[in-house]
């Protein structure tokens, strides 16, 4: 089985959901996570704090520069993710559709690169 990265994307400036809406999303995501686990598709998942609390580490010559803030200045950001196992892209997309409904946000699907055979 291949592994896929399902990225939950957010956009800065989107309306903040009400507390009831947030609790509903948490419950829907928890149910989706359980469904992934029960199907044997779960590898790992996590939610992320907003990009304004990020720290970026980048090489600069022989040194390494550490700066507060995200790598890129953009309105779109990664809000959370799942790493899943699926037979193929169609199966990963079917999971992503359920995840998008659960978290009420766009979900990008990307396959992991496969390790070359030794």
C-alpha atoms as a PDB file:
ATOM      1  CA  UNK A   1       0.000   0.000   0.000  1.00  0.00           C
ATOM      2  CA  UNK A   2       1.174   3.499  -0.749  1.00  0.00           C
ATOM      3  CA  UNK A   3       1.164   6.322   1.765  1.00  0.00           C
ATOM      4  CA  UNK A   4      -0.525   9.647   1.084  1.00  0.00           C
ATOM      5  CA  UNK A   5      -0.309  13.025   2.777  1.00  0.00           C
ATOM      6  CA  UNK A   6      -3.702  14.689   3.213  1.00  0.00           C
ATOM      7  CA  UNK A   7      -3.093  18.361   3.989  1.00  0.00           C
ATOM      8  CA  UNK A   8      -5.850  20.472   5.530  1.00  0.00           C
ATOM      9  CA  UNK A   9      -5.435  23.949   4.079  1.00  0.00           C
ATOM     10  CA  UNK A  10      -6.696  27.151   5.640  1.00  0.00           C
ATOM     11  CA  UNK A  11      -6.779  30.725   4.443  1.00  0.00           C
ATOM     12  CA  UNK A  12      -5.850  33.676   6.616  1.00  0.00           C
ATOM     13  CA  UNK A  13      -8.808  35.981   7.046  1.00  0.00           C
ATOM     14  CA  UNK A  14     -11.486  33.288   6.784  1.00  0.00           C
ATOM     15  CA  UNK A  15     -14.384  33.833   9.141  1.00  0.00           C
ATOM     16  CA  UNK A  16     -13.827  32.243  12.550  1.00  0.00           C
ATOM     17  CA  UNK A  17     -16.386  29.506  13.187  1.00  0.00           C
ATOM     18  CA  UNK A  18     -18.569  29.728  16.278  1.00  0.00           C
ATOM     19  CA  UNK A  19     -17.731  27.594  19.311  1.00  0.00           C
ATOM     20  CA  UNK A  20     -20.592  25.223  18.407  1.00  0.00           C
ATOM     21  CA  UNK A  21     -19.291  24.897  14.833  1.00  0.00           C
ATOM     22  CA  UNK A  22     -15.759  24.220  16.100  1.00  0.00           C
ATOM     23  CA  UNK A  23     -17.020  21.541  18.504  1.00  0.00           C
ATOM     24  CA  UNK A  24     -18.991  19.978  15.636  1.00  0.00           C
ATOM     25  CA  UNK A  25     -15.856  19.894  13.460  1.00  0.00           C
ATOM     26  CA  UNK A  26     -13.823  18.350  16.305  1.00  0.00           C
ATOM     27  CA  UNK A  27     -16.446  15.620  16.690  1.00  0.00           C
ATOM     28  CA  UNK A  28     -16.595  14.999  12.929  1.00  0.00           C
ATOM     29  CA  UNK A  29     -12.804  14.807  12.657  1.00  0.00           C
ATOM     30  CA  UNK A  30     -12.634  12.434  15.638  1.00  0.00           C
ATOM     31  CA  UNK A  31     -15.219  10.179  13.944  1.00  0.00           C
ATOM     32  CA  UNK A  32     -13.241  10.347  10.674  1.00  0.00           C
ATOM     33  CA  UNK A  33     -10.029   9.461  12.533  1.00  0.00           C
ATOM     34  CA  UNK A  34     -11.777   6.449  14.084  1.00  0.00           C
ATOM     35  CA  UNK A  35     -13.029   5.377  10.651  1.00  0.00           C
ATOM     36  CA  UNK A  36      -9.479   5.601   9.243  1.00  0.00           C
ATOM     37  CA  UNK A  37      -8.133   3.566  12.164  1.00  0.00           C
ATOM     38  CA  UNK A  38     -10.865   0.916  11.927  1.00  0.00           C
ATOM     39  CA  UNK A  39     -10.168   0.543   8.165  1.00  0.00           C
ATOM     40  CA  UNK A  40      -6.423   0.137   8.743  1.00  0.00           C
ATOM     41  CA  UNK A  41      -5.684   3.275   6.701  1.00  0.00           C
ATOM     42  CA  UNK A  42      -4.425   5.400   9.633  1.00  0.00           C
ATOM     43  CA  UNK A  43      -0.713   6.125   9.894  1.00  0.00           C
ATOM     44  CA  UNK A  44      -0.535   9.480  11.686  1.00  0.00           C
ATOM     45  CA  UNK A  45      -2.398  12.786  11.939  1.00  0.00           C
ATOM     46  CA  UNK A  46      -2.143  16.118  13.673  1.00  0.00           C
ATOM     47  CA  UNK A  47      -3.474  19.636  13.885  1.00  0.00           C
ATOM     48  CA  UNK A  48      -1.129  22.602  13.757  1.00  0.00           C
ATOM     49  CA  UNK A  49      -1.063  25.971  15.459  1.00  0.00           C
ATOM     50  CA  UNK A  50      -1.380  28.998  13.120  1.00  0.00           C
ATOM     51  CA  UNK A  51       1.662  30.083  11.102  1.00  0.00           C
ATOM     52  CA  UNK A  52       2.276  33.156  13.260  1.00  0.00           C
ATOM     53  CA  UNK A  53       3.819  30.875  15.920  1.00  0.00           C
ATOM     54  CA  UNK A  54       6.129  29.119  13.429  1.00  0.00           C
ATOM     55  CA  UNK A  55       9.908  29.260  13.519  1.00  0.00           C
ATOM     56  CA  UNK A  56      11.904  28.801  10.311  1.00  0.00           C
ATOM     57  CA  UNK A  57      15.395  27.315  10.207  1.00  0.00           C
ATOM     58  CA  UNK A  58      17.391  27.757   7.000  1.00  0.00           C
ATOM     59  CA  UNK A  59      21.013  27.310   5.982  1.00  0.00           C
ATOM     60  CA  UNK A  60      22.920  30.485   5.204  1.00  0.00           C
ATOM     61  CA  UNK A  61      26.456  29.808   4.039  1.00  0.00           C
ATOM     62  CA  UNK A  62      28.268  27.900   6.784  1.00  0.00           C
ATOM     63  CA  UNK A  63      25.713  28.995   9.374  1.00  0.00           C
ATOM     64  CA  UNK A  64      22.044  28.362  10.083  1.00  0.00           C
ATOM     65  CA  UNK A  65      19.583  31.223  10.426  1.00  0.00           C
ATOM     66  CA  UNK A  66      16.627  30.853  12.807  1.00  0.00           C
ATOM     67  CA  UNK A  67      13.773  33.334  12.358  1.00  0.00           C
ATOM     68  CA  UNK A  68      10.335  33.763  13.863  1.00  0.00           C
ATOM     69  CA  UNK A  69       7.456  33.239  11.492  1.00  0.00           C
ATOM     70  CA  UNK A  70       6.516  30.980   8.611  1.00  0.00           C
ATOM     71  CA  UNK A  71       8.758  30.052   5.680  1.00  0.00           C
ATOM     72  CA  UNK A  72       6.557  31.844   3.158  1.00  0.00           C
ATOM     73  CA  UNK A  73       4.464  34.983   3.491  1.00  0.00           C
ATOM     74  CA  UNK A  74       1.140  33.770   2.160  1.00  0.00           C
ATOM     75  CA  UNK A  75      -2.531  33.821   3.050  1.00  0.00           C
ATOM     76  CA  UNK A  76      -2.834  30.041   2.675  1.00  0.00           C
ATOM     77  CA  UNK A  77      -1.408  27.798   5.371  1.00  0.00           C
ATOM     78  CA  UNK A  78      -1.273  24.177   6.506  1.00  0.00           C
ATOM     79  CA  UNK A  79      -3.708  23.730   9.373  1.00  0.00           C
ATOM     80  CA  UNK A  80      -3.411  19.996   9.931  1.00  0.00           C
ATOM     81  CA  UNK A  81      -2.778  16.728   8.161  1.00  0.00           C
ATOM     82  CA  UNK A  82      -3.278  12.999   7.936  1.00  0.00           C
ATOM     83  CA  UNK A  83      -0.813  10.416   6.694  1.00  0.00           C
ATOM     84  CA  UNK A  84      -2.789   7.446   5.409  1.00  0.00           C
ATOM     85  CA  UNK A  85      -2.280   4.148   3.621  1.00  0.00           C
ATOM     86  CA  UNK A  86      -4.353   3.555   0.481  1.00  0.00           C
ATOM     87  CA  UNK A  87      -4.261   1.171  -2.459  1.00  0.00           C
ATOM     88  CA  UNK A  88      -4.141   3.985  -5.012  1.00  0.00           C
ATOM     89  CA  UNK A  89      -4.904   7.656  -5.626  1.00  0.00           C
ATOM     90  CA  UNK A  90      -8.625   7.010  -6.082  1.00  0.00           C
ATOM     91  CA  UNK A  91      -8.817   5.406  -2.632  1.00  0.00           C
ATOM     92  CA  UNK A  92      -6.816   8.293  -1.118  1.00  0.00           C
ATOM     93  CA  UNK A  93      -9.154  10.795  -2.763  1.00  0.00           C
ATOM     94  CA  UNK A  94     -12.174   8.988  -1.305  1.00  0.00           C
ATOM     95  CA  UNK A  95     -10.647   9.391   2.171  1.00  0.00           C
ATOM     96  CA  UNK A  96      -9.781  13.039   1.449  1.00  0.00           C
ATOM     97  CA  UNK A  97     -13.399  13.784   0.534  1.00  0.00           C
ATOM     98  CA  UNK A  98     -14.527  12.481   3.924  1.00  0.00           C
ATOM     99  CA  UNK A  99     -11.772  14.450   5.660  1.00  0.00           C
ATOM    100  CA  UNK A 100     -12.720  17.659   3.856  1.00  0.00           C
ATOM    101  CA  UNK A 101     -16.338  17.283   4.969  1.00  0.00           C
ATOM    102  CA  UNK A 102     -15.264  16.510   8.547  1.00  0.00           C
ATOM    103  CA  UNK A 103     -12.940  19.503   8.928  1.00  0.00           C
ATOM    104  CA  UNK A 104     -14.982  21.812   6.674  1.00  0.00           C
ATOM    105  CA  UNK A 105     -11.880  22.785   4.699  1.00  0.00           C
ATOM    106  CA  UNK A 106      -9.895  22.052   1.579  1.00  0.00           C
ATOM    107  CA  UNK A 107      -7.746  18.917   1.680  1.00  0.00           C
ATOM    108  CA  UNK A 108      -4.783  18.473  -0.671  1.00  0.00           C
ATOM    109  CA  UNK A 109      -3.689  14.910  -1.475  1.00  0.00           C
ATOM    110  CA  UNK A 110      -0.052  14.096  -2.252  1.00  0.00           C
ATOM    111  CA  UNK A 111       1.612  10.702  -2.524  1.00  0.00           C
ATOM    112  CA  UNK A 112       4.849  10.048  -0.692  1.00  0.00           C
ATOM    113  CA  UNK A 113       7.851   9.265  -2.843  1.00  0.00           C
ATOM    114  CA  UNK A 114       8.590   5.581  -2.823  1.00  0.00           C
ATOM    115  CA  UNK A 115      11.960   4.357  -1.644  1.00  0.00           C
ATOM    116  CA  UNK A 116      14.094   2.954  -4.471  1.00  0.00           C
ATOM    117  CA  UNK A 117      14.606  -0.776  -4.216  1.00  0.00           C
ATOM    118  CA  UNK A 118      18.079  -1.767  -3.038  1.00  0.00           C
END
